[in-house]
Protein backbone atom coordinates (compact mmCIF):
# COMPACT_ATOMS: atom_id res chain seq x y z
CA MET A 1 7.94 -17.46 -6.70
CA ARG A 2 4.23 -16.71 -6.77
CA ILE A 3 4.02 -16.51 -2.93
CA LEU A 4 7.11 -14.10 -3.07
CA THR A 5 5.32 -12.05 -5.57
CA PHE A 6 2.19 -12.03 -3.45
CA LEU A 7 4.19 -10.94 -0.36
CA ILE A 8 6.02 -8.18 -2.35
CA THR A 9 2.56 -6.94 -3.68
CA LEU A 10 1.11 -7.08 -0.04
CA PHE A 11 3.83 -5.21 1.52
CA ALA A 12 3.58 -2.47 -1.17
CA VAL A 13 -0.01 -2.12 -0.42
CA VAL A 14 0.67 -2.17 3.55
CA ASN A 15 3.52 0.52 3.00
CA LEU A 16 1.15 2.72 0.96
CA GLN A 17 -1.53 2.64 3.54
CA ALA A 18 1.13 3.21 6.30
CA GLN A 19 2.56 6.02 4.50
CA THR A 20 -0.68 8.03 3.65
CA SER A 21 -1.81 7.20 7.49
CA GLN A 22 1.31 8.32 9.24
CA SER A 23 0.75 11.65 11.20
CA LEU A 24 -2.83 11.87 10.06
CA VAL A 25 -4.55 14.31 12.20
CA SER A 26 -8.07 14.08 10.53
CA TYR A 27 -9.53 12.09 7.51
CA ILE A 28 -13.07 12.88 6.28
CA SER A 29 -14.15 10.63 3.30
CA PHE A 30 -17.79 11.37 3.21
CA ASN A 31 -18.54 7.56 2.65
CA GLN A 32 -19.69 6.99 6.27
CA ASN A 33 -23.44 6.46 6.42
CA GLY A 34 -24.09 8.10 3.19
CA CYS A 35 -22.15 11.27 3.12
CA ASP A 36 -22.15 12.11 6.83
CA VAL A 37 -19.30 14.50 7.82
CA LYS A 38 -17.31 12.23 10.35
CA ASP A 39 -13.71 12.21 11.12
CA GLU A 40 -12.12 8.58 10.44
CA SER A 41 -8.68 9.44 11.83
CA GLY A 42 -9.58 7.61 15.33
CA ASP A 43 -8.75 10.62 17.59
CA PRO A 44 -11.77 11.07 20.03
CA ALA A 45 -10.66 14.74 20.55
CA ILE A 46 -11.55 15.73 17.03
CA GLN A 47 -14.77 17.54 16.92
CA LEU A 48 -17.09 18.67 14.11
CA PHE A 49 -20.10 21.09 13.75
CA VAL A 50 -21.90 20.88 10.55
CA ASN A 51 -24.40 23.43 9.25
CA GLY A 52 -26.60 23.01 6.33
CA ASP A 53 -28.22 20.12 4.55
CA ASP A 54 -26.73 16.54 3.96
CA ALA A 55 -26.54 16.59 0.28
CA CYS A 56 -24.51 13.89 -1.16
CA GLY A 57 -22.78 13.71 -4.56
CA CYS A 58 -20.70 11.41 -6.84
CA GLY A 59 -17.17 11.78 -5.40
CA VAL A 60 -13.59 10.60 -6.57
CA ASP A 61 -13.72 7.60 -4.38
CA GLY A 62 -17.46 6.79 -3.46
CA ASN A 63 -19.60 9.76 -2.03
CA CYS A 64 -18.65 13.36 -1.70
CA ARG A 65 -20.29 16.36 -0.09
CA PHE A 66 -22.17 19.01 -1.94
CA PHE A 67 -22.03 22.59 -0.77
CA ASP A 68 -24.80 25.01 -2.11
CA GLY A 69 -23.04 28.19 -1.72
CA THR A 70 -25.44 29.59 0.88
CA ASP A 71 -25.27 28.07 4.23
CA ASP A 72 -23.43 24.45 3.77
CA TRP A 73 -20.21 24.28 5.79
CA PHE A 74 -18.78 22.79 8.67
CA TYR A 75 -16.18 23.31 11.51
CA LEU A 76 -13.34 21.09 12.34
CA PHE A 77 -11.55 21.64 15.70
CA GLY A 78 -9.56 19.81 18.37
CA PRO A 79 -6.23 20.17 20.19
CA ARG A 80 -4.28 18.40 17.42
CA VAL A 81 -5.77 20.40 14.78
CA GLU A 82 -4.75 23.83 16.77
CA ASP A 83 -1.23 22.57 17.19
CA THR A 84 -0.94 21.39 13.59
CA PHE A 85 -1.67 24.87 12.22
CA SER A 86 0.42 26.71 15.10
CA THR A 87 3.69 25.00 15.74
CA ILE A 88 4.57 22.27 13.32
CA ASP A 89 4.82 21.24 9.68
CA PHE A 90 1.54 20.49 8.07
CA SER A 91 -0.22 19.26 4.81
CA LEU A 92 -3.76 19.63 3.76
CA SER A 93 -5.05 17.57 1.02
CA PHE A 94 -8.44 17.44 -0.52
CA TYR A 95 -10.32 17.22 -3.81
CA PHE A 96 -13.02 19.94 -4.93
CA LYS A 97 -15.13 20.30 -8.10
CA PRO A 98 -16.86 23.76 -8.57
CA THR A 99 -20.20 24.17 -9.93
CA SER A 100 -20.57 28.00 -10.14
CA ASN A 101 -19.22 30.52 -12.70
CA SER A 102 -19.57 33.33 -10.24
CA ALA A 103 -16.77 36.12 -10.30
CA GLY A 104 -16.35 36.13 -6.39
CA TYR A 105 -13.62 34.41 -4.54
CA GLN A 106 -15.16 31.57 -2.73
CA ALA A 107 -13.63 30.09 0.57
CA LEU A 108 -12.75 26.35 0.54
CA PHE A 109 -10.95 26.11 3.85
CA SER A 110 -10.37 28.88 6.37
CA LYS A 111 -8.98 29.48 9.72
CA LYS A 112 -9.18 33.10 10.61
CA VAL A 113 -10.81 35.69 12.86
CA GLY A 114 -13.26 38.00 10.94
CA CYS A 115 -11.21 39.63 7.81
CA THR A 116 -8.33 40.46 9.98
CA GLY A 117 -4.82 39.57 8.28
CA ASP A 118 -2.89 38.26 11.23
CA ALA A 119 -2.86 34.60 12.35
CA ALA A 120 -4.71 33.58 9.17
CA PHE A 121 -5.16 30.47 6.85
CA VAL A 122 -7.37 30.57 4.04
CA ILE A 123 -7.56 28.74 0.57
CA ARG A 124 -10.04 30.69 -1.91
CA PHE A 125 -11.23 29.68 -5.49
CA ASN A 126 -12.69 32.18 -8.24
CA PRO A 127 -14.67 30.06 -10.49
CA ALA A 128 -14.91 32.88 -13.35
CA ASN A 129 -11.14 32.74 -13.97
CA ARG A 130 -10.20 29.46 -12.21
CA SER A 131 -7.87 31.25 -9.87
CA LEU A 132 -6.81 29.52 -6.56
CA SER A 133 -4.96 31.37 -3.85
CA VAL A 134 -3.39 30.20 -0.57
CA GLU A 135 -2.67 32.66 2.19
CA LEU A 136 -0.90 31.91 5.52
CA THR A 137 -0.23 35.18 7.93
CA GLU A 138 1.33 35.13 11.28
CA ASN A 139 1.69 38.91 11.39
CA SER A 140 2.53 41.77 9.05
CA THR A 141 5.87 40.59 8.25
CA ILE A 142 5.80 36.52 8.54
CA THR A 143 3.61 35.65 5.51
CA ALA A 144 3.29 33.20 2.81
CA SER A 145 1.04 33.58 -0.22
CA ILE A 146 0.48 31.82 -3.42
CA ALA A 147 -2.09 32.50 -6.31
CA LYS A 148 -2.36 30.48 -9.48
CA THR A 149 -4.55 30.05 -12.39
CA LEU A 150 -5.54 26.28 -12.44
CA PRO A 151 -5.87 24.49 -15.76
CA PHE A 152 -9.35 23.23 -16.59
CA SER A 153 -10.52 19.96 -14.84
CA CYS A 154 -13.79 18.94 -13.49
CA TRP A 155 -11.94 17.62 -10.24
CA TYR A 156 -9.04 19.39 -8.70
CA HIS A 157 -6.62 17.57 -6.14
CA VAL A 158 -5.13 20.28 -4.01
CA VAL A 159 -2.22 19.99 -1.52
CA VAL A 160 -0.98 22.49 0.43
CA VAL A 161 2.40 21.70 2.47
CA ARG A 162 4.02 23.99 4.99
CA LYS A 163 7.57 22.65 5.63
CA GLY A 164 9.66 25.07 7.85
CA PRO A 165 9.59 28.59 6.01
CA THR A 166 8.40 26.90 2.81
CA THR A 167 4.73 26.67 1.77
CA THR A 168 4.06 24.55 -1.65
CA LEU A 169 1.05 24.04 -3.73
CA TYR A 170 0.16 21.03 -5.72
CA VAL A 171 -2.81 20.60 -7.98
CA ASN A 172 -3.22 17.23 -9.59
CA LYS A 173 -0.06 16.15 -8.28
CA ALA A 174 1.89 19.02 -10.22
CA LYS A 175 3.86 21.50 -8.24
CA LEU A 176 2.27 24.97 -9.19
CA GLY A 177 3.78 27.26 -6.65
CA GLU A 178 6.13 27.70 -3.85
CA VAL A 179 7.15 30.49 -1.50
CA ASN A 180 9.42 31.15 1.29
CA SER A 181 8.37 33.55 4.08
CA PRO A 182 10.48 36.41 5.05
CA GLY A 183 13.59 35.67 7.28
CA THR A 184 13.27 31.86 6.63
CA LEU A 185 10.60 31.57 9.44
CA ARG A 186 7.69 29.18 9.70
CA VAL A 187 4.40 30.97 9.32
CA ASN A 188 2.45 29.85 12.34
CA VAL A 189 -1.18 30.26 12.55
CA SER A 190 -2.68 30.48 16.02
CA ASN A 191 -6.20 31.65 16.66
CA SER A 192 -9.34 31.01 18.27
CA GLU A 193 -11.03 29.82 15.21
CA PRO A 194 -11.81 26.29 13.95
CA LEU A 195 -10.92 25.12 10.59
CA THR A 196 -13.93 26.03 8.51
CA ILE A 197 -14.64 24.00 5.35
CA GLY A 198 -16.90 25.73 2.78
CA SER A 199 -16.95 29.29 4.40
CA SER A 200 -14.96 31.77 6.29
CA ASP A 201 -15.55 34.23 9.10
CA CYS A 202 -14.77 37.03 6.83
CA SER A 203 -17.83 38.60 5.14
CA LEU A 204 -15.83 39.36 1.99
CA ASP A 205 -15.58 35.81 1.33
CA GLU A 206 -18.48 33.97 -0.61
CA ASP A 207 -19.45 30.49 0.41
CA PHE A 208 -18.07 27.60 -1.78
CA GLU A 209 -20.69 26.14 -4.28
CA GLY A 210 -19.70 22.71 -5.53
CA TYR A 211 -18.31 19.35 -4.19
CA ILE A 212 -15.58 18.50 -1.80
CA ASP A 213 -14.19 15.09 -1.07
CA GLU A 214 -11.27 13.12 0.67
CA ILE A 215 -10.05 15.71 3.14
CA ARG A 216 -6.84 14.81 4.93
CA LEU A 217 -4.97 16.94 7.47
CA TYR A 218 -1.38 15.86 8.36
CA SER A 219 0.99 17.06 11.16
CA ARG A 220 4.00 16.70 8.76
CA ALA A 221 5.16 17.84 5.39
CA LEU A 222 4.00 15.23 2.73
CA SER A 223 6.63 14.18 0.09
CA PHE A 224 6.11 14.09 -3.59
CA GLN A 225 5.72 10.39 -3.55
CA ASP A 226 2.92 10.71 -0.78
CA ILE A 227 1.14 13.08 -3.06
CA GLU A 228 1.31 10.72 -5.83
CA ASP A 229 -0.11 8.13 -3.82
CA LEU A 230 -3.08 10.23 -2.67
CA TYR A 231 -3.86 11.29 -6.42
CA LEU A 232 -6.80 9.19 -7.48
CA ALA A 233 -6.78 10.55 -11.22
CA PRO A 234 -10.49 10.79 -11.77
CA ASP A 235 -12.11 10.63 -15.13
CA GLN A 236 -8.87 8.92 -16.69
CA ILE A 237 -8.26 5.80 -18.64
CA LYS A 238 -6.45 3.49 -16.43
CA THR A 239 -5.95 0.53 -19.14
CA GLY A 240 -2.29 0.68 -20.28
CA LEU A 241 0.94 1.96 -18.59
CA LYS A 242 -0.49 4.62 -16.40
CA PRO A 243 -3.79 6.76 -15.91
CA THR A 244 -2.30 10.18 -16.87
CA GLY A 245 -1.54 11.56 -20.44
CA VAL A 246 -1.92 9.47 -23.33
CA ASN A 247 -1.99 5.93 -22.29
CA GLU A 248 -0.44 2.94 -24.57
CA SER A 249 -1.34 -0.72 -24.71
CA THR A 250 0.01 -3.18 -27.18
CA ILE A 251 -1.47 -6.24 -28.65
CA PHE A 252 -1.07 -8.76 -31.27
CA LEU A 253 -3.32 -8.38 -34.46
CA GLY A 254 -6.48 -10.17 -33.74
CA GLU A 255 -6.60 -9.49 -29.97
CA SER A 256 -8.64 -6.95 -28.11
CA VAL A 257 -8.42 -4.55 -25.29
CA SER A 258 -10.97 -4.11 -22.73
CA ILE A 259 -11.02 -0.57 -21.39
CA GLN A 260 -11.08 0.39 -17.73
CA LEU A 261 -11.58 3.85 -16.27
CA THR A 262 -10.69 5.38 -13.02
CA ASN A 263 -13.77 6.61 -10.88
CA SER A 264 -15.86 8.93 -13.01
CA CYS A 265 -19.04 10.93 -12.38
CA ALA A 266 -19.56 11.32 -16.12
CA SER A 267 -23.29 10.37 -17.39
CA SER A 268 -22.38 10.12 -21.00
CA PHE A 269 -19.44 8.70 -22.98
CA ASP A 270 -18.32 9.22 -26.31
CA TRP A 271 -15.38 7.25 -28.10
CA VAL A 272 -13.84 8.52 -31.39
CA PRO A 273 -12.93 6.79 -33.67
CA VAL A 274 -15.79 4.31 -33.42
CA THR A 275 -14.03 1.75 -35.87
CA ASN A 276 -13.76 -1.46 -33.90
CA VAL A 277 -15.27 -0.36 -30.83
CA VAL A 278 -17.97 -2.59 -29.32
CA ASP A 279 -20.56 0.30 -28.11
CA PRO A 280 -18.69 3.65 -28.43
CA ASN A 281 -21.08 5.23 -25.82
CA ILE A 282 -20.16 3.23 -22.80
CA PRO A 283 -17.34 3.77 -20.46
CA ASN A 284 -15.55 0.23 -20.74
CA PRO A 285 -16.00 -1.10 -24.28
CA VAL A 286 -13.91 -3.68 -25.96
CA ILE A 287 -11.61 -2.49 -28.73
CA THR A 288 -10.16 -4.52 -31.66
CA PRO A 289 -8.04 -2.44 -33.79
CA THR A 290 -6.52 -3.81 -36.89
CA GLU A 291 -3.86 -1.22 -36.96
CA THR A 292 -2.21 1.06 -34.40
CA THR A 293 -4.69 3.71 -33.35
CA THR A 294 -5.22 6.55 -30.80
CA TYR A 295 -8.81 6.40 -29.37
CA LYS A 296 -10.23 9.44 -27.78
CA LEU A 297 -12.75 9.33 -24.96
CA THR A 298 -14.90 12.41 -24.08
CA MET A 299 -17.01 12.18 -20.83
CA LEU A 300 -19.76 14.65 -19.61
CA ASP A 301 -21.22 14.92 -16.24
CA ASN A 302 -24.68 16.06 -15.06
CA GLU A 303 -23.28 19.65 -14.36
CA GLY A 304 -21.94 20.18 -17.85
CA CYS A 305 -18.36 19.46 -17.04
CA LYS A 306 -16.24 17.67 -19.81
CA SER A 307 -13.29 15.52 -19.29
CA GLU A 308 -11.12 13.85 -22.15
CA ASP A 309 -8.56 11.34 -22.24
CA SER A 310 -6.81 9.08 -24.86
CA ILE A 311 -5.29 5.69 -25.52
CA ARG A 312 -3.07 4.72 -28.07
CA ILE A 313 -3.39 0.92 -28.94
CA ILE A 314 -0.28 -0.63 -30.62
CA VAL A 315 -0.99 -3.55 -32.87
CA VAL A 316 1.85 -6.03 -33.48
CA ASP A 317 1.91 -8.72 -36.24
CA LYS A 318 3.39 -11.84 -34.70
CA THR A 319 5.06 -12.71 -37.98
CA SER A 320 7.02 -9.51 -37.92
CA VAL A 321 8.62 -10.05 -34.31
CA LYS A 322 11.66 -12.04 -33.47
CA CYS A 323 12.14 -13.34 -29.99
CA GLY A 324 15.26 -11.76 -28.30
CA ASP A 325 15.12 -8.50 -30.34
CA ILE A 326 14.59 -6.49 -27.16
CA LEU A 327 14.57 -2.61 -27.62
CA LEU A 328 15.34 -0.41 -24.83
CA PRO A 329 16.20 3.41 -24.87
CA SER A 330 19.52 4.61 -23.58
CA ALA A 331 17.97 7.34 -21.33
CA PHE A 332 14.65 8.80 -19.82
CA THR A 333 13.58 11.82 -18.09
CA PRO A 334 11.18 11.16 -15.07
CA ASN A 335 10.25 14.76 -14.60
CA ASP A 336 6.49 14.10 -14.81
CA ASP A 337 6.07 16.12 -17.99
CA GLY A 338 4.26 13.43 -19.66
CA LEU A 339 7.03 12.42 -21.97
CA ASN A 340 9.55 9.69 -21.38
CA ASP A 341 8.79 9.72 -17.74
CA ARG A 342 9.02 5.72 -17.45
CA TYR A 343 11.65 3.31 -18.33
CA GLY A 344 10.54 -0.14 -19.67
CA ILE A 345 10.68 -2.55 -22.79
CA SER A 346 9.09 -0.82 -25.62
CA ASN A 347 8.68 -4.14 -28.10
CA ILE A 348 7.40 -6.41 -25.28
CA PHE A 349 6.41 -9.13 -27.69
CA ALA A 350 10.17 -9.74 -28.28
CA VAL A 351 10.85 -10.98 -24.89
CA GLY A 352 9.04 -14.44 -25.22
CA GLU A 353 8.57 -15.25 -21.52
CA MET A 354 9.80 -12.74 -19.13
CA ILE A 355 11.75 -14.14 -15.96
CA SER A 356 12.81 -10.74 -14.36
CA PHE A 357 13.72 -7.10 -15.22
CA GLU A 358 16.15 -5.49 -12.74
CA ILE A 359 17.65 -2.23 -12.47
CA PHE A 360 20.81 -1.52 -10.29
CA ASP A 361 22.51 1.58 -8.99
CA ARG A 362 26.26 2.16 -9.18
CA TRP A 363 26.52 0.43 -5.63
CA GLY A 364 24.56 -2.61 -6.72
CA ASN A 365 21.47 -1.90 -4.99
CA ILE A 366 18.23 -3.10 -6.93
CA VAL A 367 16.43 0.05 -7.46
CA PHE A 368 13.75 -1.71 -9.53
CA TYR A 369 12.60 -5.33 -10.18
CA THR A 370 9.51 -6.86 -11.76
CA GLU A 371 8.44 -9.93 -13.42
CA ASP A 372 5.61 -8.25 -15.62
CA VAL A 373 7.01 -7.44 -19.12
CA ARG A 374 4.42 -4.49 -19.17
CA ASP A 375 5.95 -2.71 -16.00
CA SER A 376 8.22 0.19 -16.14
CA TRP A 377 10.31 2.04 -13.75
CA ASP A 378 9.22 5.70 -12.66
CA GLY A 379 12.67 6.77 -11.49
CA PHE A 380 12.20 6.40 -7.88
CA TYR A 381 13.80 4.33 -5.43
CA ARG A 382 12.39 3.86 -1.86
CA GLY A 383 9.95 6.49 -2.31
CA GLU A 384 12.64 9.13 -3.35
CA ALA A 385 13.48 10.22 -6.67
CA VAL A 386 17.08 9.03 -7.87
CA ASN A 387 19.86 11.33 -8.82
CA PRO A 388 20.76 11.70 -12.35
CA GLY A 389 23.22 9.18 -13.55
CA VAL A 390 23.96 5.75 -14.98
CA PHE A 391 22.02 2.82 -13.92
CA LEU A 392 22.52 -0.85 -15.16
CA TYR A 393 19.83 -3.22 -16.24
CA LYS A 394 19.30 -6.87 -16.65
CA ILE A 395 16.71 -8.67 -18.35
CA SER A 396 16.20 -12.37 -17.87
CA TYR A 397 13.57 -14.05 -20.29
CA ARG A 398 13.06 -17.31 -22.10
CA CYS A 399 12.68 -17.87 -25.92
CA GLU A 400 11.80 -21.02 -27.34
CA GLY A 401 12.53 -22.83 -24.10
CA LYS A 402 16.29 -21.41 -23.87
CA GLU A 403 16.91 -18.78 -20.99
CA ASN A 404 18.66 -15.71 -22.16
CA VAL A 405 20.06 -12.62 -20.44
CA ASN A 406 20.26 -9.04 -21.88
CA SER A 407 22.07 -6.40 -19.81
CA GLY A 408 23.20 -2.78 -20.64
CA SER A 409 22.95 0.84 -19.07
CA VAL A 410 20.43 3.66 -18.86
CA THR A 411 21.11 7.34 -18.10
CA VAL A 412 18.47 9.11 -15.83
CA LEU A 413 18.09 12.73 -16.86
CA ARG A 414 16.19 15.25 -14.86
């Protein structure tokens, strides 16, 4: 059984890597030789031209590149880059962290000739009001533009997807905007300019000031599952069920929780309340609460950017738990709004020893399987969101040496 579990885990990791590498035109992590600008896709035809200083920073995964807002930028070009923007679906994924409060629009990515509106692609950010705009223009009639005000964050993960006539903007894995071009025609961008990162050929655009990391260009439209896989959730508590929103962890009275974070560039950490926290000024303290408590972490980086996250630690008295009294909700809503997004066992200590937890669709397919009592279902099957409806569950567990089975149904609502 351990070998089977290992193989399942290994397959999931390999499958994840395969999905995020499928149709990858260019990948720049800034982790090669310090923070050098190097394409890691393996295509020898991909070319780069770098202008400015080699300035490293702390990124979402290792190093990142700092752009000073004056003369730090680079070009990305090659036949596959040109084809991707001109004739097929594409996706552009990257992280950025602004360090300026200027009121002008700064060019993050641009592929356009001068300030002309034809055959143009540009992503701009205005730090003063946190406005992000995406513009695709083939000509005066075939266009697609999205402009959104971003929620406050230190790092932003931006994904722009062009799928046929539809252009979609995702930020921190949330869909912020979607637009269809007139006449349901795909907006094809074909011009002589390279893809410029950190600047633009138009003098009306300011150069970007801040950090950019993990650039990925695809010659296909990413799915939402792909986008979730690429989201690294920086500056978040990863102890518990998931590193977004308010995490939860359940312990018996007298036990402790060892906190772990996702990658963070913060230089100071502040836990509140400090009661039962071993050193409330470090990122990964050990917490031993005597009652159910929500702990809040405030993180501050060297640029003065503040991030916050919370974890609710549920404390259970062993003497009050009866093995076999398993509680499961009758429905859940996996719509990524932070409420009831996952389906699992709420009182895990009533399980005793978990054997398996399975969920089936109406055709008998196993859409979810785990042997971890803390694991939960996100409402996806083979990378696709399941349709609303009724699903069956079966929990096999062992109490005091005796095997038991609980079964029932759950309704997926969207």
